[in-house]
PDB file of N, CA and C in Angstrom:
ATOM      1  N   MET A   1       0.839  -1.102  -0.012  1.00  0.00           N
ATOM      2  CA  MET A   1      -0.022   0.049   0.000  1.00  0.00           C
ATOM      3  C   MET A   1       0.920   1.237  -0.002  1.00  0.00           C
ATOM      4  N   TRP A   2       0.594   2.112  -0.902  1.00  0.00           N
ATOM      5  CA  TRP A   2       1.386   3.314  -1.033  1.00  0.00           C
ATOM      6  C   TRP A   2       0.724   4.442  -0.236  1.00  0.00           C
ATOM      7  N   ILE A   3       1.551   5.249   0.584  1.00  0.00           N
ATOM      8  CA  ILE A   3       1.130   6.370   1.356  1.00  0.00           C
ATOM      9  C   ILE A   3       1.807   7.550   0.803  1.00  0.00           C
ATOM     10  N   SER A   4       1.057   8.594   0.551  1.00  0.00           N
ATOM     11  CA  SER A   4       1.583   9.830   0.046  1.00  0.00           C
ATOM     12  C   SER A   4       2.469  10.486   1.092  1.00  0.00           C
ATOM     13  N   PRO A   5       3.574  11.057   0.706  1.00  0.00           N
ATOM     14  CA  PRO A   5       4.517  11.716   1.626  1.00  0.00           C
ATOM     15  C   PRO A   5       3.879  12.949   2.229  1.00  0.00           C
ATOM     16  N   ARG A   6       2.789  13.451   1.664  1.00  0.00           N
ATOM     17  CA  ARG A   6       2.181  14.633   2.151  1.00  0.00           C
ATOM     18  C   ARG A   6       1.341  14.379   3.403  1.00  0.00           C
ATOM     19  N   ILE A   7       0.997  13.132   3.584  1.00  0.00           N
ATOM     20  CA  ILE A   7       0.177  12.721   4.792  1.00  0.00           C
ATOM     21  C   ILE A   7       1.065  12.473   5.924  1.00  0.00           C
ATOM     22  N   LYS A   8       0.955  13.208   6.950  1.00  0.00           N
ATOM     23  CA  LYS A   8       1.748  13.020   8.138  1.00  0.00           C
ATOM     24  C   LYS A   8       0.955  12.279   9.243  1.00  0.00           C
ATOM     25  N   ARG A   9       1.729  11.787  10.113  1.00  0.00           N
ATOM     26  CA  ARG A   9       1.063  11.001  11.241  1.00  0.00           C
ATOM     27  C   ARG A   9       0.195  11.983  12.054  1.00  0.00           C
ATOM     28  N   LEU A  10      -0.943  11.601  12.278  1.00  0.00           N
ATOM     29  CA  LEU A  10      -1.971  12.400  13.009  1.00  0.00           C
ATOM     30  C   LEU A  10      -2.082  11.940  14.397  1.00  0.00           C
ATOM     31  N   THR A  11      -1.790  12.800  15.362  1.00  0.00           N
ATOM     32  CA  THR A  11      -1.990  12.442  16.788  1.00  0.00           C
ATOM     33  C   THR A  11      -3.122  13.175  17.300  1.00  0.00           C
ATOM     34  N   LEU A  12      -4.087  12.529  17.848  1.00  0.00           N
ATOM     35  CA  LEU A  12      -5.260  13.163  18.419  1.00  0.00           C
ATOM     36  C   LEU A  12      -4.985  13.367  19.931  1.00  0.00           C
ATOM     37  N   VAL A  13      -5.290  14.560  20.359  1.00  0.00           N
ATOM     38  CA  VAL A  13      -5.113  14.846  21.759  1.00  0.00           C
ATOM     39  C   VAL A  13      -6.447  15.214  22.321  1.00  0.00           C
ATOM     40  N   TYR A  14      -6.871  14.531  23.312  1.00  0.00           N
ATOM     41  CA  TYR A  14      -8.186  14.769  23.955  1.00  0.00           C
ATOM     42  C   TYR A  14      -7.938  15.538  25.268  1.00  0.00           C
ATOM     43  N   THR A  15      -8.593  16.633  25.436  1.00  0.00           N
ATOM     44  CA  THR A  15      -8.444  17.346  26.727  1.00  0.00           C
ATOM     45  C   THR A  15      -9.821  17.147  27.421  1.00  0.00           C
ATOM     46  N   SER A  16      -9.740  16.744  28.640  1.00  0.00           N
ATOM     47  CA  SER A  16     -10.956  16.528  29.388  1.00  0.00           C
ATOM     48  C   SER A  16     -10.883  17.432  30.594  1.00  0.00           C
ATOM     49  N   TYR A  17     -12.105  17.953  30.925  1.00  0.00           N
ATOM     50  CA  TYR A  17     -12.238  18.795  32.081  1.00  0.00           C
ATOM     51  C   TYR A  17     -13.124  18.166  33.053  1.00  0.00           C
ATOM     52  N   ILE A  18     -12.772  18.114  34.308  1.00  0.00           N
ATOM     53  CA  ILE A  18     -13.633  17.603  35.308  1.00  0.00           C
ATOM     54  C   ILE A  18     -14.186  18.771  36.064  1.00  0.00           C
ATOM     55  N   LEU A  19     -15.487  18.984  36.140  1.00  0.00           N
ATOM     56  CA  LEU A  19     -16.009  20.141  36.764  1.00  0.00           C
ATOM     57  C   LEU A  19     -16.779  19.601  37.991  1.00  0.00           C
ATOM     58  N   SER A  20     -16.229  20.065  39.147  1.00  0.00           N
ATOM     59  CA  SER A  20     -16.837  19.694  40.412  1.00  0.00           C
ATOM     60  C   SER A  20     -17.808  20.773  40.806  1.00  0.00           C
ATOM     61  N   VAL A  21     -19.032  20.433  40.944  1.00  0.00           N
ATOM     62  CA  VAL A  21     -20.080  21.360  41.298  1.00  0.00           C
ATOM     63  C   VAL A  21     -20.477  21.045  42.751  1.00  0.00           C
ATOM     64  N   GLU A  22     -20.364  22.005  43.595  1.00  0.00           N
ATOM     65  CA  GLU A  22     -20.815  21.839  45.028  1.00  0.00           C
ATOM     66  C   GLU A  22     -21.914  22.861  45.262  1.00  0.00           C
ATOM     67  N   GLU A  23     -22.803  22.443  46.157  1.00  0.00           N
ATOM     68  CA  GLU A  23     -23.766  23.353  46.502  1.00  0.00           C
ATOM     69  C   GLU A  23     -23.202  24.247  47.541  1.00  0.00           C
ATOM     70  N   VAL A  24     -23.350  25.535  47.302  1.00  0.00           N
ATOM     71  CA  VAL A  24     -22.845  26.568  48.246  1.00  0.00           C
ATOM     72  C   VAL A  24     -23.991  27.384  48.694  1.00  0.00           C
ATOM     73  N   LEU A  25     -24.016  27.417  50.068  1.00  0.00           N
ATOM     74  CA  LEU A  25     -25.062  28.244  50.684  1.00  0.00           C
ATOM     75  C   LEU A  25     -24.643  29.690  50.679  1.00  0.00           C
ATOM     76  N   SER A  26     -25.560  30.566  50.297  1.00  0.00           N
ATOM     77  CA  SER A  26     -25.273  32.001  50.297  1.00  0.00           C
ATOM     78  C   SER A  26     -26.405  32.610  51.072  1.00  0.00           C
ATOM     79  N   MET A  27     -26.068  33.320  52.122  1.00  0.00           N
ATOM     80  CA  MET A  27     -26.991  34.031  52.936  1.00  0.00           C
ATOM     81  C   MET A  27     -26.537  35.401  53.313  1.00  0.00           C
ATOM     82  N   TYR A  28     -27.482  36.184  53.796  1.00  0.00           N
ATOM     83  CA  TYR A  28     -27.119  37.553  54.205  1.00  0.00           C
ATOM     84  C   TYR A  28     -27.334  37.717  55.707  1.00  0.00           C
ATOM     85  N   ALA A  29     -26.512  38.435  56.367  1.00  0.00           N
ATOM     86  CA  ALA A  29     -26.732  38.787  57.771  1.00  0.00           C
ATOM     87  C   ALA A  29     -26.382  40.206  58.002  1.00  0.00           C
ATOM     88  N   THR A  30     -26.756  40.730  59.137  1.00  0.00           N
ATOM     89  CA  THR A  30     -26.547  42.124  59.480  1.00  0.00           C
ATOM     90  C   THR A  30     -25.608  42.153  60.694  1.00  0.00           C
ATOM     91  N   ILE A  31     -24.630  43.016  60.633  1.00  0.00           N
ATOM     92  CA  ILE A  31     -23.747  43.229  61.786  1.00  0.00           C
ATOM     93  C   ILE A  31     -24.497  44.119  62.847  1.00  0.00           C
ATOM     94  N   GLN A  32     -24.584  43.702  64.100  1.00  0.00           N
ATOM     95  CA  GLN A  32     -25.297  44.295  65.077  1.00  0.00           C
ATOM     96  C   GLN A  32     -24.469  44.655  66.276  1.00  0.00           C
ATOM     97  N   LYS A  33     -24.834  45.691  67.005  1.00  0.00           N
ATOM     98  CA  LYS A  33     -24.156  46.052  68.237  1.00  0.00           C
ATOM     99  C   LYS A  33     -24.443  45.085  69.361  1.00  0.00           C
ATOM    100  N   TRP A  34     -23.360  44.551  69.996  1.00  0.00           N
ATOM    101  CA  TRP A  34     -23.568  43.678  71.179  1.00  0.00           C
ATOM    102  C   TRP A  34     -22.589  44.213  72.133  1.00  0.00           C
ATOM    103  N   GLY A  35     -23.118  44.916  73.159  1.00  0.00           N
ATOM    104  CA  GLY A  35     -22.259  45.573  74.152  1.00  0.00           C
ATOM    105  C   GLY A  35     -21.357  46.588  73.593  1.00  0.00           C
ATOM    106  N   ASN A  36     -20.031  46.452  73.839  1.00  0.00           N
ATOM    107  CA  ASN A  36     -19.043  47.369  73.271  1.00  0.00           C
ATOM    108  C   ASN A  36     -18.511  46.883  71.938  1.00  0.00           C
ATOM    109  N   SER A  37     -19.010  45.711  71.497  1.00  0.00           N
ATOM    110  CA  SER A  37     -18.462  45.106  70.278  1.00  0.00           C
ATOM    111  C   SER A  37     -19.623  45.047  69.153  1.00  0.00           C
ATOM    112  N   GLN A  38     -19.281  44.477  68.096  1.00  0.00           N
ATOM    113  CA  GLN A  38     -20.226  44.239  67.012  1.00  0.00           C
ATOM    114  C   GLN A  38     -20.378  42.746  66.858  1.00  0.00           C
ATOM    115  N   GLY A  39     -21.523  42.253  66.574  1.00  0.00           N
ATOM    116  CA  GLY A  39     -21.807  40.849  66.413  1.00  0.00           C
ATOM    117  C   GLY A  39     -22.419  40.444  65.134  1.00  0.00           C
ATOM    118  N   LEU A  40     -22.257  39.191  64.727  1.00  0.00           N
ATOM    119  CA  LEU A  40     -22.790  38.741  63.489  1.00  0.00           C
ATOM    120  C   LEU A  40     -23.434  37.415  63.817  1.00  0.00           C
ATOM    121  N   ARG A  41     -24.768  37.288  63.599  1.00  0.00           N
ATOM    122  CA  ARG A  41     -25.449  36.016  63.832  1.00  0.00           C
ATOM    123  C   ARG A  41     -25.403  35.186  62.586  1.00  0.00           C
ATOM    124  N   ILE A  42     -24.872  33.983  62.753  1.00  0.00           N
ATOM    125  CA  ILE A  42     -24.696  33.070  61.633  1.00  0.00           C
ATOM    126  C   ILE A  42     -25.872  32.089  61.637  1.00  0.00           C
ATOM    127  N   PRO A  43     -26.628  31.937  60.515  1.00  0.00           N
ATOM    128  CA  PRO A  43     -27.758  31.034  60.563  1.00  0.00           C
ATOM    129  C   PRO A  43     -27.325  29.604  60.798  1.00  0.00           C
ATOM    130  N   LYS A  44     -28.187  28.852  61.497  1.00  0.00           N
ATOM    131  CA  LYS A  44     -27.975  27.519  61.886  1.00  0.00           C
ATOM    132  C   LYS A  44     -27.746  26.614  60.670  1.00  0.00           C
ATOM    133  N   ALA A  45     -28.451  26.834  59.618  1.00  0.00           N
ATOM    134  CA  ALA A  45     -28.258  25.996  58.463  1.00  0.00           C
ATOM    135  C   ALA A  45     -26.891  26.087  57.840  1.00  0.00           C
ATOM    136  N   LEU A  46     -26.302  27.317  57.949  1.00  0.00           N
ATOM    137  CA  LEU A  46     -24.893  27.529  57.445  1.00  0.00           C
ATOM    138  C   LEU A  46     -23.927  26.870  58.419  1.00  0.00           C
ATOM    139  N   LEU A  47     -24.147  26.988  59.710  1.00  0.00           N
ATOM    140  CA  LEU A  47     -23.242  26.323  60.678  1.00  0.00           C
ATOM    141  C   LEU A  47     -23.300  24.813  60.533  1.00  0.00           C
ATOM    142  N   ASP A  48     -24.481  24.270  60.318  1.00  0.00           N
ATOM    143  CA  ASP A  48     -24.629  22.825  60.128  1.00  0.00           C
ATOM    144  C   ASP A  48     -23.888  22.391  58.834  1.00  0.00           C
ATOM    145  N   ALA A  49     -23.986  23.142  57.831  1.00  0.00           N
ATOM    146  CA  ALA A  49     -23.348  22.811  56.560  1.00  0.00           C
ATOM    147  C   ALA A  49     -21.811  22.745  56.665  1.00  0.00           C
ATOM    148  N   VAL A  50     -21.223  23.601  57.514  1.00  0.00           N
ATOM    149  CA  VAL A  50     -19.791  23.545  57.645  1.00  0.00           C
ATOM    150  C   VAL A  50     -19.323  22.812  58.915  1.00  0.00           C
ATOM    151  N   GLY A  51     -20.288  22.239  59.633  1.00  0.00           N
ATOM    152  CA  GLY A  51     -19.855  21.415  60.807  1.00  0.00           C
ATOM    153  C   GLY A  51     -19.476  22.186  62.085  1.00  0.00           C
ATOM    154  N   LEU A  52     -20.051  23.462  62.215  1.00  0.00           N
ATOM    155  CA  LEU A  52     -19.764  24.247  63.391  1.00  0.00           C
ATOM    156  C   LEU A  52     -20.939  24.224  64.310  1.00  0.00           C
ATOM    157  N   LYS A  53     -20.721  24.470  65.604  1.00  0.00           N
ATOM    158  CA  LYS A  53     -21.784  24.572  66.592  1.00  0.00           C
ATOM    159  C   LYS A  53     -21.444  25.641  67.552  1.00  0.00           C
ATOM    160  N   GLU A  54     -22.385  25.871  68.474  1.00  0.00           N
ATOM    161  CA  GLU A  54     -22.217  26.904  69.457  1.00  0.00           C
ATOM    162  C   GLU A  54     -21.017  26.570  70.336  1.00  0.00           C
ATOM    163  N   HIS A  55     -20.205  27.592  70.692  1.00  0.00           N
ATOM    164  CA  HIS A  55     -18.972  27.599  71.564  1.00  0.00           C
ATOM    165  C   HIS A  55     -17.818  27.013  70.776  1.00  0.00           C
ATOM    166  N   ASP A  56     -17.912  26.662  69.487  1.00  0.00           N
ATOM    167  CA  ASP A  56     -16.699  26.258  68.765  1.00  0.00           C
ATOM    168  C   ASP A  56     -15.849  27.512  68.506  1.00  0.00           C
ATOM    169  N   ARG A  57     -14.520  27.358  68.620  1.00  0.00           N
ATOM    170  CA  ARG A  57     -13.600  28.468  68.341  1.00  0.00           C
ATOM    171  C   ARG A  57     -13.389  28.574  66.893  1.00  0.00           C
ATOM    172  N   VAL A  58     -13.478  29.841  66.400  1.00  0.00           N
ATOM    173  CA  VAL A  58     -13.155  30.145  65.053  1.00  0.00           C
ATOM    174  C   VAL A  58     -12.099  31.134  64.852  1.00  0.00           C
ATOM    175  N   GLU A  59     -11.427  31.225  63.755  1.00  0.00           N
ATOM    176  CA  GLU A  59     -10.407  32.173  63.455  1.00  0.00           C
ATOM    177  C   GLU A  59     -10.954  33.152  62.484  1.00  0.00           C
ATOM    178  N   LEU A  60     -10.779  34.455  62.697  1.00  0.00           N
ATOM    179  CA  LEU A  60     -11.163  35.482  61.814  1.00  0.00           C
ATOM    180  C   LEU A  60      -9.993  36.007  61.041  1.00  0.00           C
ATOM    181  N   VAL A  61     -10.071  35.974  59.748  1.00  0.00           N
ATOM    182  CA  VAL A  61      -8.849  36.426  58.929  1.00  0.00           C
ATOM    183  C   VAL A  61      -9.313  37.566  58.078  1.00  0.00           C
ATOM    184  N   GLN A  62      -8.574  38.693  58.167  1.00  0.00           N
ATOM    185  CA  GLN A  62      -8.852  39.859  57.300  1.00  0.00           C
ATOM    186  C   GLN A  62      -8.438  39.569  55.895  1.00  0.00           C
ATOM    187  N   MET A  63      -9.343  39.745  54.957  1.00  0.00           N
ATOM    188  CA  MET A  63      -9.062  39.604  53.556  1.00  0.00           C
ATOM    189  C   MET A  63      -9.219  40.869  52.839  1.00  0.00           C
ATOM    190  N   ASP A  64      -8.774  41.026  51.624  1.00  0.00           N
ATOM    191  CA  ASP A  64      -8.860  42.269  50.839  1.00  0.00           C
ATOM    192  C   ASP A  64     -10.363  42.703  50.712  1.00  0.00           C
ATOM    193  N   ASP A  65     -11.184  41.718  50.460  1.00  0.00           N
ATOM    194  CA  ASP A  65     -12.617  42.019  50.183  1.00  0.00           C
ATOM    195  C   ASP A  65     -13.553  41.627  51.277  1.00  0.00           C
ATOM    196  N   GLY A  66     -13.060  41.242  52.454  1.00  0.00           N
ATOM    197  CA  GLY A  66     -13.996  40.852  53.557  1.00  0.00           C
ATOM    198  C   GLY A  66     -13.290  40.182  54.691  1.00  0.00           C
ATOM    199  N   ILE A  67     -14.036  39.307  55.366  1.00  0.00           N
ATOM    200  CA  ILE A  67     -13.500  38.552  56.503  1.00  0.00           C
ATOM    201  C   ILE A  67     -13.772  37.062  56.194  1.00  0.00           C
ATOM    202  N   ASN A  68     -12.724  36.258  56.436  1.00  0.00           N
ATOM    203  CA  ASN A  68     -12.842  34.845  56.292  1.00  0.00           C
ATOM    204  C   ASN A  68     -13.023  34.220  57.672  1.00  0.00           C
ATOM    205  N   ILE A  69     -14.006  33.396  57.835  1.00  0.00           N
ATOM    206  CA  ILE A  69     -14.278  32.754  59.162  1.00  0.00           C
ATOM    207  C   ILE A  69     -13.998  31.229  58.945  1.00  0.00           C
ATOM    208  N   ARG A  70     -13.048  30.690  59.726  1.00  0.00           N
ATOM    209  CA  ARG A  70     -12.752  29.259  59.574  1.00  0.00           C
ATOM    210  C   ARG A  70     -12.535  28.698  61.008  1.00  0.00           C
ATOM    211  N   ARG A  71     -12.685  27.399  61.073  1.00  0.00           N
ATOM    212  CA  ARG A  71     -12.571  26.657  62.329  1.00  0.00           C
ATOM    213  C   ARG A  71     -11.097  26.852  62.848  1.00  0.00           C
ATOM    214  N   ALA A  72     -10.964  27.240  64.081  1.00  0.00           N
ATOM    215  CA  ALA A  72      -9.661  27.414  64.708  1.00  0.00           C
ATOM    216  C   ALA A  72      -9.039  26.054  64.911  1.00  0.00           C
ATOM    217  N   SER A  73      -7.693  26.058  64.806  1.00  0.00           N
ATOM    218  CA  SER A  73      -6.960  24.789  65.078  1.00  0.00           C
ATOM    219  C   SER A  73      -7.035  24.549  66.594  1.00  0.00           C
ATOM    220  N   ALA A  74      -7.144  23.266  66.879  1.00  0.00           N
ATOM    221  CA  ALA A  74      -7.319  22.855  68.247  1.00  0.00           C
ATOM    222  C   ALA A  74      -5.965  22.944  68.971  1.00  0.00           C
ATOM    223  N   THR A  75      -5.908  23.795  69.980  1.00  0.00           N
ATOM    224  CA  THR A  75      -4.674  23.929  70.751  1.00  0.00           C
ATOM    225  C   THR A  75      -5.054  23.374  72.112  1.00  0.00           C
ATOM    226  N   PRO A  76      -4.195  22.330  72.565  1.00  0.00           N
ATOM    227  CA  PRO A  76      -4.541  21.754  73.816  1.00  0.00           C
ATOM    228  C   PRO A  76      -4.332  22.742  74.993  1.00  0.00           C
ATOM    229  N   HIS A  77      -5.186  22.616  76.038  1.00  0.00           N
ATOM    230  CA  HIS A  77      -5.034  23.445  77.231  1.00  0.00           C
ATOM    231  C   HIS A  77      -3.803  23.063  77.978  1.00  0.00           C
ATOM    232  N   ARG A  78      -3.053  24.036  78.328  1.00  0.00           N
ATOM    233  CA  ARG A  78      -1.861  23.792  79.148  1.00  0.00           C
ATOM    234  C   ARG A  78      -1.961  24.417  80.517  1.00  0.00           C
ATOM    235  N   THR A  79      -1.574  23.681  81.505  1.00  0.00           N
ATOM    236  CA  THR A  79      -1.593  24.194  82.917  1.00  0.00           C
ATOM    237  C   THR A  79      -0.479  25.267  83.069  1.00  0.00           C
ATOM    238  N   LEU A  80      -0.531  25.944  84.183  1.00  0.00           N
ATOM    239  CA  LEU A  80       0.545  26.949  84.481  1.00  0.00           C
ATOM    240  C   LEU A  80       1.875  26.193  84.663  1.00  0.00           C
ATOM    241  N   GLU A  81       1.854  25.040  85.291  1.00  0.00           N
ATOM    242  CA  GLU A  81       3.079  24.227  85.432  1.00  0.00           C
ATOM    243  C   GLU A  81       3.650  23.880  84.136  1.00  0.00           C
ATOM    244  N   GLU A  82       2.787  23.398  83.150  1.00  0.00           N
ATOM    245  CA  GLU A  82       3.297  23.071  81.788  1.00  0.00           C
ATOM    246  C   GLU A  82       3.855  24.254  81.071  1.00  0.00           C
ATOM    247  N   ARG A  83       3.174  25.434  81.280  1.00  0.00           N
ATOM    248  CA  ARG A  83       3.702  26.645  80.548  1.00  0.00           C
ATOM    249  C   ARG A  83       5.064  27.145  81.102  1.00  0.00           C
ATOM    250  N   LEU A  84       5.214  27.044  82.486  1.00  0.00           N
ATOM    251  CA  LEU A  84       6.455  27.449  83.124  1.00  0.00           C
ATOM    252  C   LEU A  84       7.581  26.476  82.695  1.00  0.00           C
ATOM    253  N   THR A  85       7.260  25.225  82.632  1.00  0.00           N
ATOM    254  CA  THR A  85       8.252  24.199  82.273  1.00  0.00           C
ATOM    255  C   THR A  85       8.673  24.450  80.773  1.00  0.00           C
ATOM    256  N   ALA A  86       7.818  24.850  79.891  1.00  0.00           N
ATOM    257  CA  ALA A  86       8.095  25.160  78.532  1.00  0.00           C
ATOM    258  C   ALA A  86       8.945  26.491  78.447  1.00  0.00           C
ATOM    259  N   PHE A  87       8.638  27.431  79.271  1.00  0.00           N
ATOM    260  CA  PHE A  87       9.373  28.717  79.309  1.00  0.00           C
ATOM    261  C   PHE A  87      10.777  28.555  79.783  1.00  0.00           C
ATOM    262  N   TYR A  88      10.997  27.930  80.950  1.00  0.00           N
ATOM    263  CA  TYR A  88      12.276  27.759  81.606  1.00  0.00           C
ATOM    264  C   TYR A  88      13.096  26.636  81.061  1.00  0.00           C
ATOM    265  N   GLY A  89      12.433  25.663  80.394  1.00  0.00           N
ATOM    266  CA  GLY A  89      13.192  24.497  79.873  1.00  0.00           C
ATOM    267  C   GLY A  89      13.450  23.462  80.919  1.00  0.00           C
ATOM    268  N   LYS A  90      12.845  23.594  82.129  1.00  0.00           N
ATOM    269  CA  LYS A  90      13.112  22.547  83.154  1.00  0.00           C
ATOM    270  C   LYS A  90      11.819  22.600  84.038  1.00  0.00           C
ATOM    271  N   HIS A  91      11.635  21.537  84.786  1.00  0.00           N
ATOM    272  CA  HIS A  91      10.447  21.405  85.618  1.00  0.00           C
ATOM    273  C   HIS A  91      10.381  22.450  86.638  1.00  0.00           C
ATOM    274  N   ILE A  92       9.204  22.830  87.064  1.00  0.00           N
ATOM    275  CA  ILE A  92       8.981  23.942  88.006  1.00  0.00           C
ATOM    276  C   ILE A  92       9.689  23.717  89.383  1.00  0.00           C
ATOM    277  N   ASP A  93       9.874  22.394  89.764  1.00  0.00           N
ATOM    278  CA  ASP A  93      10.540  22.116  91.010  1.00  0.00           C
ATOM    279  C   ASP A  93      11.984  22.365  90.893  1.00  0.00           C
ATOM    280  N   GLN A  94      12.560  22.406  89.669  1.00  0.00           N
ATOM    281  CA  GLN A  94      13.956  22.622  89.472  1.00  0.00           C
ATOM    282  C   GLN A  94      14.295  24.112  89.254  1.00  0.00           C
ATOM    283  N   ILE A  95      13.273  24.883  89.129  1.00  0.00           N
ATOM    284  CA  ILE A  95      13.528  26.318  88.887  1.00  0.00           C
ATOM    285  C   ILE A  95      14.004  27.024  90.088  1.00  0.00           C
ATOM    286  N   GLY A  96      13.472  26.701  91.249  1.00  0.00           N
ATOM    287  CA  GLY A  96      13.874  27.353  92.444  1.00  0.00           C
ATOM    288  C   GLY A  96      13.186  28.744  92.646  1.00  0.00           C
ATOM    289  N   ARG A  97      13.403  29.225  93.806  1.00  0.00           N
ATOM    290  CA  ARG A  97      12.701  30.463  94.163  1.00  0.00           C
ATOM    291  C   ARG A  97      13.693  31.628  93.951  1.00  0.00           C
ATOM    292  N   ILE A  98      13.287  32.653  93.339  1.00  0.00           N
ATOM    293  CA  ILE A  98      14.154  33.770  93.118  1.00  0.00           C
ATOM    294  C   ILE A  98      13.840  34.821  94.159  1.00  0.00           C
ATOM    295  N   GLU A  99      14.793  35.186  94.946  1.00  0.00           N
ATOM    296  CA  GLU A  99      14.647  36.155  95.956  1.00  0.00           C
ATOM    297  C   GLU A  99      15.164  37.497  95.449  1.00  0.00           C
ATOM    298  N   ALA A 100      14.338  38.471  95.561  1.00  0.00           N
ATOM    299  CA  ALA A 100      14.773  39.809  95.118  1.00  0.00           C
ATOM    300  C   ALA A 100      15.327  40.554  96.301  1.00  0.00           C
ATOM    301  N   GLU A 101      16.449  41.209  96.097  1.00  0.00           N
ATOM    302  CA  GLU A 101      16.993  41.947  97.197  1.00  0.00           C
ATOM    303  C   GLU A 101      16.254  43.323  97.338  1.00  0.00           C
ATOM    304  N   GLU A 102      16.193  43.761  98.535  1.00  0.00           N
ATOM    305  CA  GLU A 102      15.510  44.989  98.843  1.00  0.00           C
ATOM    306  C   GLU A 102      16.377  46.132  98.552  1.00  0.00           C
ATOM    307  N   LEU A 103      15.918  47.172  97.859  1.00  0.00           N
ATOM    308  CA  LEU A 103      16.787  48.312  97.540  1.00  0.00           C
ATOM    309  C   LEU A 103      16.581  49.382  98.593  1.00  0.00           C
ATOM    310  N   ASP A 104      17.657  50.072  98.988  1.00  0.00           N
ATOM    311  CA  ASP A 104      17.564  51.131  99.908  1.00  0.00           C
ATOM    312  C   ASP A 104      17.301  52.476  99.151  1.00  0.00           C
ATOM    313  N   TRP A 105      16.177  53.053  99.326  1.00  0.00           N
ATOM    314  CA  TRP A 105      15.747  54.213  98.647  1.00  0.00           C
ATOM    315  C   TRP A 105      16.093  55.485  99.443  1.00  0.00           C
ATOM    316  N   GLY A 106      16.730  55.322 100.570  1.00  0.00           N
ATOM    317  CA  GLY A 106      17.115  56.442 101.390  1.00  0.00           C
ATOM    318  C   GLY A 106      16.040  56.751 102.441  1.00  0.00           C
ATOM    319  N   LYS A 107      16.153  57.835 103.184  1.00  0.00           N
ATOM    320  CA  LYS A 107      15.197  58.103 104.194  1.00  0.00           C
ATOM    321  C   LYS A 107      13.895  58.693 103.580  1.00  0.00           C
ATOM    322  N   ALA A 108      12.809  58.589 104.372  1.00  0.00           N
ATOM    323  CA  ALA A 108      11.504  59.073 103.915  1.00  0.00           C
ATOM    324  C   ALA A 108      11.546  60.559 103.701  1.00  0.00           C
ATOM    325  N   GLU A 109      10.928  61.012 102.602  1.00  0.00           N
ATOM    326  CA  GLU A 109      10.851  62.439 102.333  1.00  0.00           C
ATOM    327  C   GLU A 109       9.342  62.741 102.295  1.00  0.00           C
ATOM    328  N   GLY A 110       9.011  63.833 102.952  1.00  0.00           N
ATOM    329  CA  GLY A 110       7.599  64.213 102.972  1.00  0.00           C
ATOM    330  C   GLY A 110       6.738  63.361 103.833  1.00  0.00           C
ATOM    331  N   SER A 111       5.547  62.994 103.420  1.00  0.00           N
ATOM    332  CA  SER A 111       4.654  62.258 104.265  1.00  0.00           C
ATOM    333  C   SER A 111       4.503  60.754 103.921  1.00  0.00           C
ATOM    334  N   GLU A 112       5.580  60.091 103.385  1.00  0.00           N
ATOM    335  CA  GLU A 112       5.461  58.688 103.066  1.00  0.00           C
ATOM    336  C   GLU A 112       5.356  57.871 104.389  1.00  0.00           C
ATOM    337  N   ALA A 113       4.748  56.808 104.315  1.00  0.00           N
ATOM    338  CA  ALA A 113       4.659  55.901 105.529  1.00  0.00           C
ATOM    339  C   ALA A 113       5.651  54.791 105.286  1.00  0.00           C
ATOM    340  N   TRP A 114       6.646  54.594 106.204  1.00  0.00           N
ATOM    341  CA  TRP A 114       7.680  53.492 106.132  1.00  0.00           C
ATOM    342  C   TRP A 114       7.440  52.549 107.158  1.00  0.00           C
TER     343      TRP A 114
END
């Protein structure tokens, strides 16, 4: 079978697009005065859709065109002892007590009570 030299190998390229369509809830709310601050009531349907509930901690991030509200990362509660250990690098029992020396400010002037 004879093939003309003008016919070149034809490679077909298929481009496929996967379009993911998610239902997005869009609602309006009004910023209201709550004490010395401003508050925003978020509808329950929206909270349920994103898995948030009352007393959940959220992070507020300033954006160019608004405010982004997202679930705050879970930070474990640390006791004072754990915080001091992390600060000093050793257990609180090994820190010891720091005694401050008393400074002599001189004799009383005026009506100070010594």
